[in-house]
Amino acid sequence: IIGPNAMRWYRQAPGKQREWVAGIGSGGITNYADSVKGRFT
């Protein structure tokens, strides 16, 4: 593992396309899908 690395979470429900949930950059900046914003960290 050699940085910098961006880390992300995705999810996939049965019969559904995989969707992006959240991400955090190498500098610590975070982003969230609207469906989870305020609930997930």
ModelCIF file with pLDDT and N, C-alpha, C, O atoms, coordinates in Angstrom:
data_MODEL
#
_entry.id   MODEL 
#
_entity.id                         1 
_entity.type                       polymer 
_entity.pdbx_number_of_molecules   1 
#
_entity_poly.entity_id                      1 
_entity_poly.type                           'polypeptide(L)' 
_entity_poly.nstd_linkage                   no 
_entity_poly.nstd_monomer                   no 
_entity_poly.pdbx_seq_one_letter_code       IIGPNAMRWYRQAPGKQREWVAGIGSGGITNYADSVKGRFT 
_entity_poly.pdbx_seq_one_letter_code_can   IIGPNAMRWYRQAPGKQREWVAGIGSGGITNYADSVKGRFT 
_entity_poly.pdbx_strand_id                 A 
#
loop_
_entity_poly_seq.entity_id 
_entity_poly_seq.num 
_entity_poly_seq.mon_id 
_entity_poly_seq.hetero 
1 1  ILE n 
1 2  ILE n 
1 3  GLY n 
1 4  PRO n 
1 5  ASN n 
1 6  ALA n 
1 7  MET n 
1 8  ARG n 
1 9  TRP n 
1 10 TYR n 
1 11 ARG n 
1 12 GLN n 
1 13 ALA n 
1 14 PRO n 
1 15 GLY n 
1 16 LYS n 
1 17 GLN n 
1 18 ARG n 
1 19 GLU n 
1 20 TRP n 
1 21 VAL n 
1 22 ALA n 
1 23 GLY n 
1 24 ILE n 
1 25 GLY n 
1 26 SER n 
1 27 GLY n 
1 28 GLY n 
1 29 ILE n 
1 30 THR n 
1 31 ASN n 
1 32 TYR n 
1 33 ALA n 
1 34 ASP n 
1 35 SER n 
1 36 VAL n 
1 37 LYS n 
1 38 GLY n 
1 39 ARG n 
1 40 PHE n 
1 41 THR n 
#
_struct_asym.id          A 
_struct_asym.entity_id   1 
#
loop_
_ma_qa_metric.id 
_ma_qa_metric.mode 
_ma_qa_metric.name 
_ma_qa_metric.software_group_id 
_ma_qa_metric.type 
1 global pLDDT . pLDDT 
2 local  pLDDT . pLDDT 
#
_ma_qa_metric_global.metric_id      1 
_ma_qa_metric_global.metric_value   94.78 
_ma_qa_metric_global.model_id       1 
_ma_qa_metric_global.ordinal_id     1 
#
loop_
_ma_qa_metric_local.label_asym_id 
_ma_qa_metric_local.label_comp_id 
_ma_qa_metric_local.label_seq_id 
_ma_qa_metric_local.metric_id 
_ma_qa_metric_local.metric_value 
_ma_qa_metric_local.model_id 
_ma_qa_metric_local.ordinal_id 
A ILE 1  2 84.00 1 1  
A ILE 2  2 81.00 1 2  
A GLY 3  2 78.00 1 3  
A PRO 4  2 83.00 1 4  
A ASN 5  2 88.00 1 5  
A ALA 6  2 92.00 1 6  
A MET 7  2 95.00 1 7  
A ARG 8  2 97.00 1 8  
A TRP 9  2 98.00 1 9  
A TYR 10 2 98.00 1 10 
A ARG 11 2 98.00 1 11 
A GLN 12 2 98.00 1 12 
A ALA 13 2 97.00 1 13 
A PRO 14 2 92.00 1 14 
A GLY 15 2 94.00 1 15 
A LYS 16 2 97.00 1 16 
A GLN 17 2 97.00 1 17 
A ARG 18 2 97.00 1 18 
A GLU 19 2 97.00 1 19 
A TRP 20 2 98.00 1 20 
A VAL 21 2 98.00 1 21 
A ALA 22 2 98.00 1 22 
A GLY 23 2 97.00 1 23 
A ILE 24 2 97.00 1 24 
A GLY 25 2 94.00 1 25 
A SER 26 2 88.00 1 26 
A GLY 27 2 90.00 1 27 
A GLY 28 2 93.00 1 28 
A ILE 29 2 96.00 1 29 
A THR 30 2 98.00 1 30 
A ASN 31 2 98.00 1 31 
A TYR 32 2 98.00 1 32 
A ALA 33 2 98.00 1 33 
A ASP 34 2 98.00 1 34 
A SER 35 2 98.00 1 35 
A VAL 36 2 98.00 1 36 
A LYS 37 2 98.00 1 37 
A GLY 38 2 98.00 1 38 
A ARG 39 2 98.00 1 39 
A PHE 40 2 98.00 1 40 
A THR 41 2 98.00 1 41 
#
loop_
_atom_site.group_PDB 
_atom_site.id 
_atom_site.type_symbol 
_atom_site.label_atom_id 
_atom_site.label_alt_id 
_atom_site.label_comp_id 
_atom_site.label_asym_id 
_atom_site.label_entity_id 
_atom_site.label_seq_id 
_atom_site.pdbx_PDB_ins_code 
_atom_site.Cartn_x 
_atom_site.Cartn_y 
_atom_site.Cartn_z 
_atom_site.occupancy 
_atom_site.B_iso_or_equiv 
_atom_site.pdbx_formal_charge 
_atom_site.auth_seq_id 
_atom_site.auth_comp_id 
_atom_site.auth_asym_id 
_atom_site.auth_atom_id 
_atom_site.pdbx_PDB_model_num 
ATOM 1   N N  . ILE A 1 1  ? 0.848   -1.190 0.000  1.00 84.00 ? 1  ILE A N  1 
ATOM 2   C CA . ILE A 1 1  ? 0.000   0.000  0.000  1.00 84.00 ? 1  ILE A CA 1 
ATOM 3   C C  . ILE A 1 1  ? 0.882   1.237  0.000  1.00 84.00 ? 1  ILE A C  1 
ATOM 4   O O  . ILE A 1 1  ? 1.626   1.489  0.948  1.00 84.00 ? 1  ILE A O  1 
ATOM 5   N N  . ILE A 1 2  ? 0.787   1.988  -1.057 1.00 81.00 ? 2  ILE A N  1 
ATOM 6   C CA . ILE A 1 2  ? 1.539   3.225  -1.191 1.00 81.00 ? 2  ILE A CA 1 
ATOM 7   C C  . ILE A 1 2  ? 0.560   4.346  -1.490 1.00 81.00 ? 2  ILE A C  1 
ATOM 8   O O  . ILE A 1 2  ? -0.155  4.299  -2.491 1.00 81.00 ? 2  ILE A O  1 
ATOM 9   N N  . GLY A 1 3  ? 0.523   5.347  -0.634 1.00 78.00 ? 3  GLY A N  1 
ATOM 10  C CA . GLY A 1 3  ? -0.396  6.445  -0.785 1.00 78.00 ? 3  GLY A CA 1 
ATOM 11  C C  . GLY A 1 3  ? 0.010   7.409  -1.863 1.00 78.00 ? 3  GLY A C  1 
ATOM 12  O O  . GLY A 1 3  ? 1.081   7.268  -2.454 1.00 78.00 ? 3  GLY A O  1 
ATOM 13  N N  . PRO A 1 4  ? -0.833  8.396  -2.132 1.00 83.00 ? 4  PRO A N  1 
ATOM 14  C CA . PRO A 1 4  ? -2.103  8.639  -1.461 1.00 83.00 ? 4  PRO A CA 1 
ATOM 15  C C  . PRO A 1 4  ? -3.223  7.747  -1.989 1.00 83.00 ? 4  PRO A C  1 
ATOM 16  O O  . PRO A 1 4  ? -3.241  7.381  -3.164 1.00 83.00 ? 4  PRO A O  1 
ATOM 17  N N  . ASN A 1 5  ? -4.158  7.405  -1.099 1.00 88.00 ? 5  ASN A N  1 
ATOM 18  C CA . ASN A 1 5  ? -5.271  6.532  -1.451 1.00 88.00 ? 5  ASN A CA 1 
ATOM 19  C C  . ASN A 1 5  ? -6.595  7.179  -1.095 1.00 88.00 ? 5  ASN A C  1 
ATOM 20  O O  . ASN A 1 5  ? -6.759  7.718  0.000  1.00 88.00 ? 5  ASN A O  1 
ATOM 21  N N  . ALA A 1 6  ? -7.532  7.124  -2.015 1.00 92.00 ? 6  ALA A N  1 
ATOM 22  C CA . ALA A 1 6  ? -8.907  7.489  -1.721 1.00 92.00 ? 6  ALA A CA 1 
ATOM 23  C C  . ALA A 1 6  ? -9.671  6.223  -1.350 1.00 92.00 ? 6  ALA A C  1 
ATOM 24  O O  . ALA A 1 6  ? -9.519  5.191  -2.003 1.00 92.00 ? 6  ALA A O  1 
ATOM 25  N N  . MET A 1 7  ? -10.490 6.297  -0.306 1.00 95.00 ? 7  MET A N  1 
ATOM 26  C CA . MET A 1 7  ? -11.261 5.153  0.152  1.00 95.00 ? 7  MET A CA 1 
ATOM 27  C C  . MET A 1 7  ? -12.738 5.435  -0.043 1.00 95.00 ? 7  MET A C  1 
ATOM 28  O O  . MET A 1 7  ? -13.199 6.555  0.181  1.00 95.00 ? 7  MET A O  1 
ATOM 29  N N  . ARG A 1 8  ? -13.478 4.423  -0.460 1.00 97.00 ? 8  ARG A N  1 
ATOM 30  C CA . ARG A 1 8  ? -14.898 4.576  -0.756 1.00 97.00 ? 8  ARG A CA 1 
ATOM 31  C C  . ARG A 1 8  ? -15.683 3.367  -0.270 1.00 97.00 ? 8  ARG A C  1 
ATOM 32  O O  . ARG A 1 8  ? -15.142 2.271  -0.122 1.00 97.00 ? 8  ARG A O  1 
ATOM 33  N N  . TRP A 1 9  ? -16.971 3.592  -0.025 1.00 98.00 ? 9  TRP A N  1 
ATOM 34  C CA . TRP A 1 9  ? -17.917 2.522  0.249  1.00 98.00 ? 9  TRP A CA 1 
ATOM 35  C C  . TRP A 1 9  ? -18.994 2.521  -0.823 1.00 98.00 ? 9  TRP A C  1 
ATOM 36  O O  . TRP A 1 9  ? -19.503 3.575  -1.206 1.00 98.00 ? 9  TRP A O  1 
ATOM 37  N N  . TYR A 1 10 ? -19.335 1.339  -1.303 1.00 98.00 ? 10 TYR A N  1 
ATOM 38  C CA . TYR A 1 10 ? -20.424 1.124  -2.231 1.00 98.00 ? 10 TYR A CA 1 
ATOM 39  C C  . TYR A 1 10 ? -21.375 0.095  -1.636 1.00 98.00 ? 10 TYR A C  1 
ATOM 40  O O  . TYR A 1 10 ? -21.027 -0.599 -0.680 1.00 98.00 ? 10 TYR A O  1 
ATOM 41  N N  . ARG A 1 11 ? -22.579 -0.004 -2.203 1.00 98.00 ? 11 ARG A N  1 
ATOM 42  C CA . ARG A 1 11 ? -23.505 -1.046 -1.785 1.00 98.00 ? 11 ARG A CA 1 
ATOM 43  C C  . ARG A 1 11 ? -24.311 -1.530 -2.976 1.00 98.00 ? 11 ARG A C  1 
ATOM 44  O O  . ARG A 1 11 ? -24.493 -0.808 -3.957 1.00 98.00 ? 11 ARG A O  1 
ATOM 45  N N  . GLN A 1 12 ? -24.787 -2.756 -2.876 1.00 98.00 ? 12 GLN A N  1 
ATOM 46  C CA . GLN A 1 12 ? -25.576 -3.346 -3.938 1.00 98.00 ? 12 GLN A CA 1 
ATOM 47  C C  . GLN A 1 12 ? -26.680 -4.206 -3.340 1.00 98.00 ? 12 GLN A C  1 
ATOM 48  O O  . GLN A 1 12 ? -26.410 -5.191 -2.653 1.00 98.00 ? 12 GLN A O  1 
ATOM 49  N N  . ALA A 1 13 ? -27.918 -3.826 -3.605 1.00 97.00 ? 13 ALA A N  1 
ATOM 50  C CA . ALA A 1 13 ? -29.071 -4.602 -3.186 1.00 97.00 ? 13 ALA A CA 1 
ATOM 51  C C  . ALA A 1 13 ? -29.397 -5.634 -4.262 1.00 97.00 ? 13 ALA A C  1 
ATOM 52  O O  . ALA A 1 13 ? -29.034 -5.442 -5.423 1.00 97.00 ? 13 ALA A O  1 
ATOM 53  N N  . PRO A 1 14 ? -30.077 -6.730 -3.900 1.00 92.00 ? 14 PRO A N  1 
ATOM 54  C CA . PRO A 1 14 ? -30.427 -7.754 -4.894 1.00 92.00 ? 14 PRO A CA 1 
ATOM 55  C C  . PRO A 1 14 ? -31.194 -7.165 -6.068 1.00 92.00 ? 14 PRO A C  1 
ATOM 56  O O  . PRO A 1 14 ? -32.175 -6.445 -5.884 1.00 92.00 ? 14 PRO A O  1 
ATOM 57  N N  . GLY A 1 15 ? -30.740 -7.477 -7.268 1.00 94.00 ? 15 GLY A N  1 
ATOM 58  C CA . GLY A 1 15 ? -31.393 -6.993 -8.470 1.00 94.00 ? 15 GLY A CA 1 
ATOM 59  C C  . GLY A 1 15 ? -31.129 -5.542 -8.788 1.00 94.00 ? 15 GLY A C  1 
ATOM 60  O O  . GLY A 1 15 ? -31.689 -5.007 -9.745 1.00 94.00 ? 15 GLY A O  1 
ATOM 61  N N  . LYS A 1 16 ? -30.287 -4.893 -8.008 1.00 97.00 ? 16 LYS A N  1 
ATOM 62  C CA . LYS A 1 16 ? -29.991 -3.481 -8.213 1.00 97.00 ? 16 LYS A CA 1 
ATOM 63  C C  . LYS A 1 16 ? -28.545 -3.287 -8.643 1.00 97.00 ? 16 LYS A C  1 
ATOM 64  O O  . LYS A 1 16 ? -27.694 -4.150 -8.430 1.00 97.00 ? 16 LYS A O  1 
ATOM 65  N N  . GLN A 1 17 ? -28.287 -2.143 -9.248 1.00 97.00 ? 17 GLN A N  1 
ATOM 66  C CA . GLN A 1 17 ? -26.935 -1.788 -9.637 1.00 97.00 ? 17 GLN A CA 1 
ATOM 67  C C  . GLN A 1 17 ? -26.144 -1.324 -8.415 1.00 97.00 ? 17 GLN A C  1 
ATOM 68  O O  . GLN A 1 17 ? -26.700 -0.718 -7.500 1.00 97.00 ? 17 GLN A O  1 
ATOM 69  N N  . ARG A 1 18 ? -24.861 -1.610 -8.408 1.00 97.00 ? 18 ARG A N  1 
ATOM 70  C CA . ARG A 1 18 ? -24.013 -1.148 -7.325 1.00 97.00 ? 18 ARG A CA 1 
ATOM 71  C C  . ARG A 1 18 ? -23.983 0.379  -7.310 1.00 97.00 ? 18 ARG A C  1 
ATOM 72  O O  . ARG A 1 18 ? -23.802 1.014  -8.349 1.00 97.00 ? 18 ARG A O  1 
ATOM 73  N N  . GLU A 1 19 ? -24.160 0.959  -6.129 1.00 97.00 ? 19 GLU A N  1 
ATOM 74  C CA . GLU A 1 19 ? -24.192 2.407  -6.006 1.00 97.00 ? 19 GLU A CA 1 
ATOM 75  C C  . GLU A 1 19 ? -23.152 2.904  -5.011 1.00 97.00 ? 19 GLU A C  1 
ATOM 76  O O  . GLU A 1 19 ? -22.835 2.232  -4.030 1.00 97.00 ? 19 GLU A O  1 
ATOM 77  N N  . TRP A 1 20 ? -22.642 4.066  -5.279 1.00 98.00 ? 20 TRP A N  1 
ATOM 78  C CA . TRP A 1 20 ? -21.690 4.703  -4.397 1.00 98.00 ? 20 TRP A CA 1 
ATOM 79  C C  . TRP A 1 20 ? -22.396 5.232  -3.147 1.00 98.00 ? 20 TRP A C  1 
ATOM 80  O O  . TRP A 1 20 ? -23.493 5.782  -3.237 1.00 98.00 ? 20 TRP A O  1 
ATOM 81  N N  . VAL A 1 21 ? -21.776 5.068  -2.000 1.00 98.00 ? 21 VAL A N  1 
ATOM 82  C CA . VAL A 1 21 ? -22.363 5.475  -0.728 1.00 98.00 ? 21 VAL A CA 1 
ATOM 83  C C  . VAL A 1 21 ? -21.597 6.628  -0.096 1.00 98.00 ? 21 VAL A C  1 
ATOM 84  O O  . VAL A 1 21 ? -22.195 7.636  0.281  1.00 98.00 ? 21 VAL A O  1 
ATOM 85  N N  . ALA A 1 22 ? -20.289 6.494  0.023  1.00 98.00 ? 22 ALA A N  1 
ATOM 86  C CA . ALA A 1 22 ? -19.482 7.500  0.697  1.00 98.00 ? 22 ALA A CA 1 
ATOM 87  C C  . ALA A 1 22 ? -18.035 7.380  0.257  1.00 98.00 ? 22 ALA A C  1 
ATOM 88  O O  . ALA A 1 22 ? -17.595 6.321  -0.191 1.00 98.00 ? 22 ALA A O  1 
ATOM 89  N N  . GLY A 1 23 ? -17.303 8.470  0.390  1.00 97.00 ? 23 GLY A N  1 
ATOM 90  C CA . GLY A 1 23 ? -15.902 8.463  0.044  1.00 97.00 ? 23 GLY A CA 1 
ATOM 91  C C  . GLY A 1 23 ? -15.111 9.391  0.936  1.00 97.00 ? 23 GLY A C  1 
ATOM 92  O O  . GLY A 1 23 ? -15.638 10.373 1.461  1.00 97.00 ? 23 GLY A O  1 
ATOM 93  N N  . ILE A 1 24 ? -13.840 9.070  1.102  1.00 97.00 ? 24 ILE A N  1 
ATOM 94  C CA . ILE A 1 24 ? -12.929 9.917  1.862  1.00 97.00 ? 24 ILE A CA 1 
ATOM 95  C C  . ILE A 1 24 ? -11.604 9.959  1.126  1.00 97.00 ? 24 ILE A C  1 
ATOM 96  O O  . ILE A 1 24 ? -11.025 8.919  0.811  1.00 97.00 ? 24 ILE A O  1 
ATOM 97  N N  . GLY A 1 25 ? -11.126 11.164 0.852  1.00 94.00 ? 25 GLY A N  1 
ATOM 98  C CA . GLY A 1 25 ? -9.892  11.333 0.120  1.00 94.00 ? 25 GLY A CA 1 
ATOM 99  C C  . GLY A 1 25 ? -8.675  11.201 1.008  1.00 94.00 ? 25 GLY A C  1 
ATOM 100 O O  . GLY A 1 25 ? -8.782  11.081 2.229  1.00 94.00 ? 25 GLY A O  1 
ATOM 101 N N  . SER A 1 26 ? -7.519  11.226 0.374  1.00 88.00 ? 26 SER A N  1 
ATOM 102 C CA . SER A 1 26 ? -6.269  11.109 1.129  1.00 88.00 ? 26 SER A CA 1 
ATOM 103 C C  . SER A 1 26 ? -6.074  12.271 2.089  1.00 88.00 ? 26 SER A C  1 
ATOM 104 O O  . SER A 1 26 ? -5.380  12.137 3.097  1.00 88.00 ? 26 SER A O  1 
ATOM 105 N N  . GLY A 1 27 ? -6.680  13.407 1.782  1.00 90.00 ? 27 GLY A N  1 
ATOM 106 C CA . GLY A 1 27 ? -6.600  14.564 2.649  1.00 90.00 ? 27 GLY A CA 1 
ATOM 107 C C  . GLY A 1 27 ? -7.684  14.632 3.699  1.00 90.00 ? 27 GLY A C  1 
ATOM 108 O O  . GLY A 1 27 ? -7.710  15.575 4.489  1.00 90.00 ? 27 GLY A O  1 
ATOM 109 N N  . GLY A 1 28 ? -8.587  13.653 3.733  1.00 93.00 ? 28 GLY A N  1 
ATOM 110 C CA . GLY A 1 28 ? -9.621  13.589 4.747  1.00 93.00 ? 28 GLY A CA 1 
ATOM 111 C C  . GLY A 1 28 ? -10.950 14.194 4.360  1.00 93.00 ? 28 GLY A C  1 
ATOM 112 O O  . GLY A 1 28 ? -11.878 14.193 5.169  1.00 93.00 ? 28 GLY A O  1 
ATOM 113 N N  . ILE A 1 29 ? -11.077 14.710 3.154  1.00 96.00 ? 29 ILE A N  1 
ATOM 114 C CA . ILE A 1 29 ? -12.348 15.271 2.708  1.00 96.00 ? 29 ILE A CA 1 
ATOM 115 C C  . ILE A 1 29 ? -13.343 14.146 2.454  1.00 96.00 ? 29 ILE A C  1 
ATOM 116 O O  . ILE A 1 29 ? -13.018 13.162 1.790  1.00 96.00 ? 29 ILE A O  1 
ATOM 117 N N  . THR A 1 30 ? -14.557 14.294 2.983  1.00 98.00 ? 30 THR A N  1 
ATOM 118 C CA . THR A 1 30 ? -15.580 13.258 2.867  1.00 98.00 ? 30 THR A CA 1 
ATOM 119 C C  . THR A 1 30 ? -16.736 13.717 1.995  1.00 98.00 ? 30 THR A C  1 
ATOM 120 O O  . THR A 1 30 ? -17.034 14.908 1.902  1.00 98.00 ? 30 THR A O  1 
ATOM 121 N N  . ASN A 1 31 ? -17.382 12.746 1.358  1.00 98.00 ? 31 ASN A N  1 
ATOM 122 C CA . ASN A 1 31 ? -18.565 12.990 0.549  1.00 98.00 ? 31 ASN A CA 1 
ATOM 123 C C  . ASN A 1 31 ? -19.533 11.835 0.735  1.00 98.00 ? 31 ASN A C  1 
ATOM 124 O O  . ASN A 1 31 ? -19.119 10.701 0.973  1.00 98.00 ? 31 ASN A O  1 
ATOM 125 N N  . TYR A 1 32 ? -20.841 12.129 0.626  1.00 98.00 ? 32 TYR A N  1 
ATOM 126 C CA . TYR A 1 32 ? -21.864 11.129 0.871  1.00 98.00 ? 32 TYR A CA 1 
ATOM 127 C C  . TYR A 1 32 ? -22.960 11.202 -0.172 1.00 98.00 ? 32 TYR A C  1 
ATOM 128 O O  . TYR A 1 32 ? -23.265 12.270 -0.704 1.00 98.00 ? 32 TYR A O  1 
ATOM 129 N N  . ALA A 1 33 ? -23.546 10.050 -0.457 1.00 98.00 ? 33 ALA A N  1 
ATOM 130 C CA . ALA A 1 33 ? -24.742 10.018 -1.270 1.00 98.00 ? 33 ALA A CA 1 
ATOM 131 C C  . ALA A 1 33 ? -25.883 10.664 -0.500 1.00 98.00 ? 33 ALA A C  1 
ATOM 132 O O  . ALA A 1 33 ? -25.933 10.587 0.728  1.00 98.00 ? 33 ALA A O  1 
ATOM 133 N N  . ASP A 1 34 ? -26.801 11.302 -1.224 1.00 98.00 ? 34 ASP A N  1 
ATOM 134 C CA . ASP A 1 34 ? -27.914 11.970 -0.566 1.00 98.00 ? 34 ASP A CA 1 
ATOM 135 C C  . ASP A 1 34 ? -28.732 11.015 0.302  1.00 98.00 ? 34 ASP A C  1 
ATOM 136 O O  . ASP A 1 34 ? -29.278 11.424 1.327  1.00 98.00 ? 34 ASP A O  1 
ATOM 137 N N  . SER A 1 35 ? -28.819 9.765  -0.095 1.00 98.00 ? 35 SER A N  1 
ATOM 138 C CA . SER A 1 35 ? -29.641 8.804  0.617  1.00 98.00 ? 35 SER A CA 1 
ATOM 139 C C  . SER A 1 35 ? -29.116 8.468  2.009  1.00 98.00 ? 35 SER A C  1 
ATOM 140 O O  . SER A 1 35 ? -29.870 7.981  2.851  1.00 98.00 ? 35 SER A O  1 
ATOM 141 N N  . VAL A 1 36 ? -27.832 8.724  2.260  1.00 98.00 ? 36 VAL A N  1 
ATOM 142 C CA . VAL A 1 36 ? -27.245 8.379  3.550  1.00 98.00 ? 36 VAL A CA 1 
ATOM 143 C C  . VAL A 1 36 ? -26.706 9.590  4.297  1.00 98.00 ? 36 VAL A C  1 
ATOM 144 O O  . VAL A 1 36 ? -26.276 9.465  5.443  1.00 98.00 ? 36 VAL A O  1 
ATOM 145 N N  . LYS A 1 37 ? -26.723 10.741 3.677  1.00 98.00 ? 37 LYS A N  1 
ATOM 146 C CA . LYS A 1 37 ? -26.172 11.946 4.287  1.00 98.00 ? 37 LYS A CA 1 
ATOM 147 C C  . LYS A 1 37 ? -26.875 12.249 5.609  1.00 98.00 ? 37 LYS A C  1 
ATOM 148 O O  . LYS A 1 37 ? -28.104 12.233 5.689  1.00 98.00 ? 37 LYS A O  1 
ATOM 149 N N  . GLY A 1 38 ? -26.091 12.523 6.632  1.00 98.00 ? 38 GLY A N  1 
ATOM 150 C CA . GLY A 1 38 ? -26.630 12.794 7.954  1.00 98.00 ? 38 GLY A CA 1 
ATOM 151 C C  . GLY A 1 38 ? -26.812 11.558 8.807  1.00 98.00 ? 38 GLY A C  1 
ATOM 152 O O  . GLY A 1 38 ? -27.033 11.667 10.013 1.00 98.00 ? 38 GLY A O  1 
ATOM 153 N N  . ARG A 1 39 ? -26.722 10.372 8.200  1.00 98.00 ? 39 ARG A N  1 
ATOM 154 C CA . ARG A 1 39 ? -26.899 9.129  8.940  1.00 98.00 ? 39 ARG A CA 1 
ATOM 155 C C  . ARG A 1 39 ? -25.622 8.291  8.970  1.00 98.00 ? 39 ARG A C  1 
ATOM 156 O O  . ARG A 1 39 ? -25.359 7.593  9.950  1.00 98.00 ? 39 ARG A O  1 
ATOM 157 N N  . PHE A 1 40 ? -24.833 8.358  7.905  1.00 98.00 ? 40 PHE A N  1 
ATOM 158 C CA . PHE A 1 40 ? -23.602 7.567  7.797  1.00 98.00 ? 40 PHE A CA 1 
ATOM 159 C C  . PHE A 1 40 ? -22.390 8.470  7.932  1.00 98.00 ? 40 PHE A C  1 
ATOM 160 O O  . PHE A 1 40 ? -22.430 9.638  7.544  1.00 98.00 ? 40 PHE A O  1 
ATOM 161 N N  . THR A 1 41 ? -21.318 7.930  8.479  1.00 98.00 ? 41 THR A N  1 
ATOM 162 C CA . THR A 1 41 ? -20.056 8.649  8.600  1.00 98.00 ? 41 THR A CA 1 
ATOM 163 C C  . THR A 1 41 ? -18.913 7.748  8.151  1.00 98.00 ? 41 THR A C  1 
ATOM 164 O O  . THR A 1 41 ? -17.754 8.163  8.174  1.00 98.00 ? 41 THR A O  1 
#
